[in-house]
Protein backbone atom coordinates (compact mmCIF):
# COMPACT_ATOMS: atom_id res chain seq x y z
CA MET A 1 20.99 -28.66 -8.95
CA LYS A 2 19.65 -25.86 -6.78
CA LYS A 3 18.34 -27.03 -3.43
CA GLU A 4 14.65 -26.25 -2.86
CA ILE A 5 14.05 -24.08 0.19
CA ASN A 6 11.41 -25.57 2.46
CA VAL A 7 9.99 -22.99 4.85
CA GLU A 8 8.19 -25.57 6.94
CA SER A 9 11.28 -27.72 7.57
CA ASN A 10 14.00 -25.26 8.46
CA SER A 11 16.79 -27.54 9.67
CA THR A 12 18.06 -25.13 12.33
CA ASN A 13 16.40 -25.06 15.74
CA LYS A 14 17.19 -21.38 16.11
CA LYS A 15 14.61 -18.80 15.11
CA MET A 16 15.94 -16.42 12.51
CA ARG A 17 15.78 -12.85 13.82
CA VAL A 18 14.45 -10.27 11.36
CA ILE A 19 14.24 -6.53 12.01
CA MET A 20 12.17 -4.16 9.85
CA PHE A 21 12.05 -0.42 9.34
CA GLY A 22 10.83 2.11 6.75
CA HIS A 23 7.21 2.24 7.88
CA LYS A 24 5.55 4.69 10.28
CA ARG A 25 4.03 2.27 12.76
CA ILE A 26 2.16 -1.00 13.06
CA PRO A 27 -0.52 -1.95 13.68
CA SER A 28 -1.96 0.72 11.41
CA ARG A 29 -3.68 1.24 8.10
CA SER A 30 -2.61 4.87 7.72
CA GLY A 31 -0.68 3.96 4.54
CA GLY A 32 -0.05 1.10 2.14
CA ILE A 33 3.20 -0.06 3.78
CA GLU A 34 1.64 0.05 7.23
CA THR A 35 -1.37 -1.97 6.07
CA VAL A 36 0.91 -4.56 4.45
CA LEU A 37 3.12 -5.03 7.50
CA THR A 38 0.15 -5.19 9.85
CA GLU A 39 -1.08 -8.24 7.91
CA LEU A 40 2.26 -9.79 6.90
CA CYS A 41 4.39 -9.64 10.04
CA PRO A 42 2.20 -11.87 12.26
CA LYS A 43 2.14 -14.49 9.51
CA LEU A 44 5.94 -14.42 9.29
CA VAL A 45 5.99 -15.11 13.03
CA LEU A 46 3.76 -18.14 12.43
CA ASN A 47 6.26 -19.27 9.78
CA GLY A 48 8.93 -19.47 12.46
CA PHE A 49 10.72 -16.11 12.29
CA GLU A 50 11.35 -13.74 15.16
CA ILE A 51 10.13 -10.40 13.81
CA THR A 52 10.98 -7.01 15.32
CA VAL A 53 9.52 -3.80 13.86
CA LEU A 54 10.89 -0.33 14.54
CA ASN A 55 7.98 2.12 14.72
CA ARG A 56 8.46 5.88 14.55
CA ALA A 57 7.68 7.35 17.95
CA GLY A 58 5.20 10.20 18.17
CA GLU A 59 3.10 9.32 15.12
CA LYS A 60 -0.32 10.94 15.31
CA ILE A 61 -3.08 8.37 15.73
CA LYS A 62 -5.97 8.94 13.33
CA HIS A 63 -9.53 8.37 14.45
CA GLY A 64 -10.62 4.91 13.32
CA ASP A 65 -7.08 3.51 13.09
CA TYR A 66 -5.56 0.79 15.25
CA GLN A 67 -4.49 1.90 18.71
CA PRO A 68 -0.74 1.72 19.47
CA VAL A 69 0.68 -1.37 21.17
CA ARG A 70 3.52 -1.16 23.67
CA HIS A 71 5.71 -4.19 23.06
CA ASN A 72 3.95 -6.95 21.15
CA PHE A 73 1.48 -7.24 18.28
CA LYS A 74 0.32 -10.80 17.54
CA GLY A 75 3.77 -12.15 18.34
CA VAL A 76 5.64 -9.34 16.57
CA LYS A 77 8.09 -7.44 18.77
CA VAL A 78 7.41 -3.70 18.60
CA LYS A 79 10.00 -1.05 19.43
CA ASN A 80 9.77 2.73 19.04
CA VAL A 81 12.47 4.81 17.34
CA PRO A 82 12.73 8.51 18.29
CA SER A 83 12.22 11.09 15.59
CA ILE A 84 11.81 14.83 15.12
CA ARG A 85 8.40 16.00 13.92
CA LEU A 86 9.68 18.23 11.13
CA LYS A 87 8.37 18.01 7.58
CA GLY A 88 10.83 16.09 5.41
CA LEU A 89 13.16 15.16 8.29
CA SER A 90 11.08 12.76 10.37
CA ALA A 91 11.62 9.79 8.06
CA VAL A 92 15.31 10.57 7.52
CA ILE A 93 16.15 10.77 11.22
CA SER A 94 14.10 7.75 12.25
CA SER A 95 15.59 5.69 9.40
CA PHE A 96 19.14 6.54 10.48
CA ILE A 97 18.45 5.53 14.09
CA ALA A 98 16.63 2.38 12.93
CA ALA A 99 19.55 1.44 10.67
CA PHE A 100 21.95 1.89 13.60
CA ILE A 101 19.83 -0.39 15.80
CA ALA A 102 19.59 -2.96 13.01
CA ALA A 103 23.32 -2.85 12.30
CA PHE A 104 24.49 -3.33 15.88
CA GLY A 105 21.60 -5.40 17.25
CA PRO A 106 21.37 -9.22 17.46
CA TYR A 107 19.59 -9.64 14.13
CA ASP A 108 20.24 -12.08 11.29
CA LEU A 109 18.36 -10.14 8.62
CA VAL A 110 17.42 -6.51 8.02
CA HIS A 111 14.27 -5.89 5.99
CA ILE A 112 13.87 -2.30 4.79
CA HIS A 113 10.65 -0.99 3.27
CA ALA A 114 10.63 1.70 0.55
CA GLU A 115 13.33 3.56 -1.36
CA GLY A 116 13.85 6.57 0.92
CA PRO A 117 14.77 4.58 4.06
CA SER A 118 17.11 2.47 1.91
CA VAL A 119 19.59 5.36 1.89
CA MET A 120 20.66 3.92 5.27
CA ILE A 121 21.27 0.38 3.99
CA TRP A 122 25.02 1.06 3.97
CA LEU A 123 25.17 0.89 7.77
CA PRO A 124 23.84 -2.65 8.33
CA HIS A 125 25.66 -3.73 5.16
CA LEU A 126 28.91 -2.37 6.62
CA MET A 127 28.30 -4.54 9.70
CA ARG A 128 27.88 -7.59 7.43
CA LYS A 129 24.15 -7.90 7.99
CA LYS A 130 22.05 -9.56 5.30
CA CYS A 131 19.71 -6.94 3.87
CA ILE A 132 16.44 -7.21 1.94
CA VAL A 133 14.48 -4.26 0.56
CA THR A 134 10.85 -4.25 -0.50
CA VAL A 135 10.19 -1.56 -3.10
CA HIS A 136 6.51 -0.71 -2.58
CA GLY A 137 6.60 1.66 -5.55
CA LEU A 138 8.97 3.94 -7.44
CA ASP A 139 8.60 6.80 -5.00
CA TRP A 140 10.40 9.37 -7.15
CA LYS A 141 7.38 9.27 -9.47
CA ARG A 142 5.21 10.78 -6.76
CA ASP A 143 4.46 14.48 -7.10
CA LYS A 144 6.00 15.59 -3.80
CA TRP A 145 9.33 13.95 -4.69
CA HIS A 146 9.71 15.51 -8.14
CA HIS A 147 11.99 18.35 -7.06
CA GLY A 148 14.55 19.46 -4.51
CA PHE A 149 16.29 17.53 -1.77
CA GLY A 150 13.52 14.93 -1.52
CA ALA A 151 13.88 13.93 -5.16
CA HIS A 152 17.65 13.48 -4.86
CA TYR A 153 17.23 11.58 -1.59
CA ILE A 154 14.75 9.09 -3.08
CA HIS A 155 16.91 8.49 -6.16
CA PHE A 156 19.96 8.01 -3.95
CA GLY A 157 18.04 5.47 -1.84
CA GLU A 158 17.16 3.55 -4.98
CA LYS A 159 20.79 3.46 -6.09
CA MET A 160 21.90 2.34 -2.64
CA LEU A 161 19.43 -0.53 -2.45
CA ALA A 162 20.27 -1.62 -5.98
CA LYS A 163 23.94 -1.75 -4.98
CA TYR A 164 23.81 -3.24 -1.48
CA ALA A 165 20.59 -5.24 -1.02
CA ASP A 166 21.10 -8.99 -0.87
CA ALA A 167 17.59 -9.34 -2.31
CA ILE A 168 14.96 -6.95 -3.65
CA ILE A 169 11.23 -7.64 -3.48
CA VAL A 170 8.87 -5.79 -5.83
CA LEU A 171 5.08 -5.71 -5.93
CA ASN A 172 4.49 -5.45 -9.66
CA LYS A 173 6.11 -6.62 -12.87
CA ASP A 174 6.61 -3.11 -14.23
CA THR A 175 8.94 -2.33 -11.31
CA GLN A 176 10.63 -5.69 -11.82
CA LYS A 177 11.40 -4.76 -15.43
CA TYR A 178 12.65 -1.34 -14.32
CA PHE A 179 15.25 -2.76 -11.91
CA LYS A 180 16.43 -5.27 -14.48
CA LYS A 181 16.80 -2.63 -17.19
CA THR A 182 18.23 0.16 -15.01
CA TYR A 183 20.47 -1.75 -12.60
CA SER A 184 20.71 -5.26 -14.08
CA ARG A 185 19.22 -6.50 -10.81
CA ASN A 186 17.00 -9.55 -10.60
CA THR A 187 14.14 -9.11 -8.15
CA PHE A 188 11.55 -11.26 -6.41
CA TYR A 189 8.00 -10.51 -7.53
CA ILE A 190 5.66 -10.88 -4.53
CA PRO A 191 2.40 -8.93 -4.87
CA ASN A 192 0.38 -7.90 -1.83
CA GLY A 193 -2.43 -9.96 -0.39
CA VAL A 194 -5.88 -9.17 0.89
CA LYS A 195 -8.18 -10.62 3.53
CA LYS A 196 -11.51 -12.17 2.66
CA SER A 197 -14.20 -9.61 3.38
CA ASP A 198 -17.83 -10.04 4.30
CA GLN A 199 -20.27 -7.45 3.02
CA ILE A 200 -22.25 -5.68 5.71
CA GLU A 201 -25.44 -3.67 5.60
CA PRO A 202 -25.35 0.15 5.76
CA SER A 203 -25.81 1.55 9.25
CA ILE A 204 -23.13 4.01 10.31
CA ILE A 205 -22.83 5.44 6.79
CA THR A 206 -26.55 6.16 6.77
CA LYS A 207 -26.46 8.03 10.07
CA LYS A 208 -23.19 9.82 9.34
CA PHE A 209 -23.38 10.60 5.62
CA GLY A 210 -26.93 9.83 4.50
CA LEU A 211 -25.82 6.88 2.34
CA PHE A 212 -28.08 3.87 1.85
CA GLY A 213 -26.20 1.61 -0.54
CA ASP A 214 -25.65 1.68 -4.33
CA ASP A 215 -26.12 5.43 -4.20
CA TYR A 216 -22.47 6.51 -4.33
CA PHE A 217 -19.18 6.05 -6.14
CA LEU A 218 -16.27 5.45 -3.80
CA THR A 219 -12.55 6.19 -3.85
CA VAL A 220 -10.09 5.55 -0.99
CA SER A 221 -6.60 7.08 -1.04
CA ARG A 222 -4.27 9.65 0.36
CA LEU A 223 -5.20 13.10 -0.90
CA THR A 224 -2.06 13.72 -2.95
CA PRO A 225 -1.76 14.87 -6.58
CA GLU A 226 -0.58 11.53 -8.00
CA LYS A 227 -3.74 9.82 -6.72
CA GLY A 228 -5.76 11.68 -9.34
CA ILE A 229 -8.50 13.04 -7.06
CA LEU A 230 -8.57 16.46 -8.75
CA PRO A 231 -9.33 15.13 -12.27
CA LEU A 232 -11.81 12.67 -10.74
CA ILE A 233 -13.74 15.53 -9.15
CA GLU A 234 -13.65 17.54 -12.38
CA SER A 235 -14.89 14.54 -14.37
CA PHE A 236 -17.62 13.65 -11.87
CA ARG A 237 -18.98 17.20 -11.86
CA GLY A 238 -19.75 16.72 -15.55
CA VAL A 239 -21.75 13.50 -15.00
CA ASP A 240 -25.55 13.73 -14.87
CA THR A 241 -26.42 11.55 -11.88
CA ASN A 242 -27.97 11.83 -8.45
CA LYS A 243 -25.42 9.41 -7.07
CA LYS A 244 -22.73 10.83 -4.82
CA LEU A 245 -18.95 10.65 -4.90
CA VAL A 246 -17.46 9.64 -1.55
CA ILE A 247 -13.76 10.46 -1.13
CA VAL A 248 -12.10 8.66 1.78
CA GLY A 249 -8.68 9.71 3.05
CA ASP A 250 -6.62 12.67 4.16
CA GLY A 251 -3.51 14.51 3.05
CA SER A 252 0.16 13.64 3.40
CA ASP A 253 2.10 16.91 3.67
CA THR A 254 -0.32 18.22 1.02
CA ASP A 255 -2.41 20.80 2.87
CA GLU A 256 -2.61 23.23 -0.06
CA TYR A 257 -3.71 20.46 -2.44
CA VAL A 258 -6.40 19.31 0.00
CA LYS A 259 -7.71 22.88 0.29
CA LYS A 260 -7.79 23.14 -3.51
CA ILE A 261 -9.85 19.99 -4.09
CA ILE A 262 -12.25 20.79 -1.24
CA LYS A 263 -12.80 24.30 -2.65
CA LEU A 264 -13.42 22.81 -6.11
CA SER A 265 -16.08 20.51 -4.63
CA GLN A 266 -17.97 23.05 -2.55
CA SER A 267 -20.42 23.89 -5.34
CA ASP A 268 -21.40 20.22 -5.80
CA SER A 269 -23.37 18.79 -2.88
CA ARG A 270 -22.95 15.26 -4.27
CA ILE A 271 -19.26 15.17 -3.30
CA ILE A 272 -18.50 13.99 0.24
CA PHE A 273 -15.11 14.04 1.99
CA THR A 274 -14.99 11.67 4.96
CA GLY A 275 -11.38 12.14 6.06
CA PHE A 276 -9.46 9.07 7.23
CA VAL A 277 -11.74 6.23 8.34
CA GLY A 278 -11.22 2.63 9.36
CA GLY A 279 -12.94 -0.27 11.06
CA ARG A 280 -16.62 -0.95 10.47
CA LEU A 281 -17.21 2.45 8.87
CA LEU A 282 -14.71 1.72 6.10
CA SER A 283 -16.10 -1.80 5.65
CA GLU A 284 -19.60 -0.35 5.25
CA LEU A 285 -18.35 2.10 2.63
CA TYR A 286 -16.66 -0.68 0.63
CA SER A 287 -19.66 -3.03 1.04
CA ASN A 288 -22.31 -0.67 -0.27
CA ALA A 289 -20.59 1.31 -3.03
CA PHE A 290 -22.16 1.47 -6.49
CA VAL A 291 -18.71 1.42 -8.15
CA TYR A 292 -15.19 1.82 -6.79
CA ILE A 293 -12.97 4.32 -8.66
CA ILE A 294 -9.17 4.48 -8.57
CA PRO A 295 -7.89 7.33 -10.79
CA SER A 296 -4.18 7.25 -9.80
CA PHE A 297 -1.29 8.43 -11.95
CA VAL A 298 1.23 6.55 -9.77
CA GLU A 299 0.90 3.39 -7.67
CA GLY A 300 2.95 0.50 -6.34
CA MET A 301 0.29 -2.08 -5.70
CA PRO A 302 -2.77 -0.32 -4.26
CA MET A 303 -4.16 -2.02 -1.17
CA SER A 304 -7.41 -0.05 -1.48
CA LEU A 305 -8.03 -1.64 -4.90
CA LEU A 306 -7.52 -5.16 -3.52
CA GLU A 307 -9.82 -4.33 -0.61
CA ALA A 308 -12.50 -2.94 -2.92
CA LEU A 309 -12.39 -6.11 -5.04
CA SER A 310 -12.51 -8.30 -1.93
CA PHE A 311 -15.81 -6.64 -0.98
CA GLY A 312 -17.22 -7.49 -4.41
CA ASN A 313 -17.03 -4.08 -6.07
CA ALA A 314 -17.17 -3.27 -9.74
CA VAL A 315 -14.17 -1.08 -10.51
CA ALA A 316 -13.36 1.92 -12.71
CA ALA A 317 -9.58 2.37 -12.80
CA SER A 318 -6.75 4.22 -14.47
CA ASN A 319 -4.86 2.16 -17.02
CA ILE A 320 -1.38 2.50 -15.50
CA PRO A 321 0.53 -0.83 -15.54
CA GLU A 322 0.51 -1.26 -11.75
CA ILE A 323 -3.30 -1.22 -11.73
CA ALA A 324 -3.96 -3.01 -15.02
CA GLU A 325 -1.79 -5.89 -13.78
CA VAL A 326 -4.02 -6.33 -10.72
CA VAL A 327 -7.43 -6.17 -12.36
CA GLY A 328 -6.59 -8.23 -15.45
CA ARG A 329 -8.86 -8.09 -18.47
CA ASP A 330 -12.27 -8.67 -16.91
CA HIS A 331 -12.40 -7.01 -13.49
CA ALA A 332 -12.44 -3.28 -14.24
CA LEU A 333 -13.17 -0.69 -16.90
CA LEU A 334 -9.98 1.26 -17.55
CA PHE A 335 -9.38 4.85 -18.57
CA SER A 336 -6.39 7.12 -19.04
CA PRO A 337 -5.97 9.20 -15.86
CA LYS A 338 -4.92 12.11 -18.11
CA ASP A 339 -8.16 12.01 -20.11
CA GLN A 340 -11.17 13.32 -18.21
CA ASN A 341 -13.54 12.47 -21.06
CA GLN A 342 -12.49 8.81 -20.88
CA MET A 343 -13.04 8.83 -17.12
CA LYS A 344 -16.46 10.41 -17.54
CA ASN A 345 -17.40 7.87 -20.24
CA VAL A 346 -16.47 4.96 -17.96
CA ILE A 347 -18.56 6.40 -15.13
CA ASN A 348 -21.51 6.84 -17.49
CA ARG A 349 -21.15 3.31 -18.82
CA PHE A 350 -21.50 1.90 -15.31
CA LEU A 351 -24.54 4.11 -14.75
CA HIS A 352 -26.25 2.73 -17.87
CA ASP A 353 -25.00 -0.87 -18.07
CA THR A 354 -26.45 -2.72 -15.09
CA ARG A 355 -25.57 -6.13 -16.48
CA LEU A 356 -21.87 -5.27 -16.79
CA ARG A 357 -21.70 -3.88 -13.28
CA CYS A 358 -23.44 -6.90 -11.76
CA ALA A 359 -21.18 -9.33 -13.63
CA MET A 360 -18.07 -7.56 -12.33
CA LYS A 361 -19.40 -7.55 -8.77
CA GLN A 362 -20.04 -11.29 -8.90
CA SER A 363 -16.60 -12.16 -10.23
CA SER A 364 -14.32 -9.74 -8.37
CA LYS A 365 -14.53 -11.24 -4.88
CA ASN A 366 -13.53 -14.77 -5.90
CA TYR A 367 -10.87 -13.39 -8.23
CA VAL A 368 -8.86 -11.65 -5.50
CA ALA A 369 -9.46 -14.39 -2.93
CA ASP A 370 -7.91 -16.95 -5.28
CA LYS A 371 -5.03 -14.80 -6.55
CA TYR A 372 -3.96 -12.53 -3.68
CA SER A 373 -3.54 -14.35 -0.37
CA TRP A 374 -1.54 -13.16 2.65
CA ASN A 375 -0.58 -16.76 3.36
CA ILE A 376 1.04 -16.96 -0.09
CA VAL A 377 2.77 -13.59 0.46
CA ALA A 378 4.16 -14.78 3.81
CA HIS A 379 5.29 -18.10 2.33
CA GLU A 380 7.09 -16.46 -0.59
CA THR A 381 8.67 -13.81 1.67
CA SER A 382 9.87 -16.57 4.02
CA LYS A 383 11.49 -18.35 1.08
CA VAL A 384 13.38 -15.17 0.18
CA TYR A 385 14.53 -14.81 3.81
CA LEU A 386 15.90 -18.35 3.89
CA GLN A 387 17.51 -18.06 0.49
CA VAL A 388 19.39 -14.93 1.61
CA LEU A 389 20.26 -16.28 5.07
CA PHE A 390 21.61 -19.62 3.85
CA LYS A 391 23.12 -18.44 0.58
CA GLY A 392 26.38 -20.26 -0.03
CA GLU A 393 25.75 -22.95 2.59
């Protein structure tokens, strides 16, 4: 009979030392992985692990993001890894250096985040380190990794982690099925969590953007093709409403795409680009949106969707499995991201069906608070750590 792992009663007096890489930096909310680790790592420390994160040195700090810390973030040890600020090479170089540090440092467990950095898993594996990989999404599906060296690199990283990882964590069941079918690998399904959020009255958004509450649709994402911002803009331009469309976020090596969608929007004064925002400004935007829209073609498990639900938003969302799994049957109206008429019809339905929108707003906050908790994520992750560390004992 398999022994149950009890996180709270680890029989050893020694703290297990875990090192992580694959992200840009924490604390930060500049991307999904960064947001996840900013919330998760301190809770793993509270669960009794010694956590070290390897940040990429020289990352540009966006206005409204967390400020860098030197050595410690809520009990998490923070170290910087040098990198070269060249497009396409920054992540590769920093991942190699991070893997070297992990392989030869005094660590019991190496936790790698994302498929690209997993190319380097061979190095800690060679040094007999226990390795775990969290697949935050199938990155080769993303537009910028469809072709060339990047595409081959991401696919190679996936093959390497499937071969060498002692455990794989996935965020959605579609990815879990993919690894089982493609590599015959069992995985641990641990979805992301979200903090409870209090709604706040409009103040900064009124002064900065002329928004007063319930007078705008909101979307929050990186401005990349797979996030579906272009078809969202095209659909919204065909909707007869005085409400605005607020697009929060900036590009990720997608300057030409950003220029294209901004140019497309110039003739419609209802469309507002805020750039990257955080803190109270972002909380105000979530709190006072009429409806939150997520039109993505590709996702892992979108943190922005969980955050929007935690603020009590009604949601219009693309019907891809990674999103449909989160919202269930009753917490969003779904549309095909490839069908602009469907998207437009969903927007119009929210405009004309007040009862539906209010019902969704009332149910969404409790739904995510009950189902997606960071404490549960930390507990389940800790169980995976202990299972890998004490396997065979």
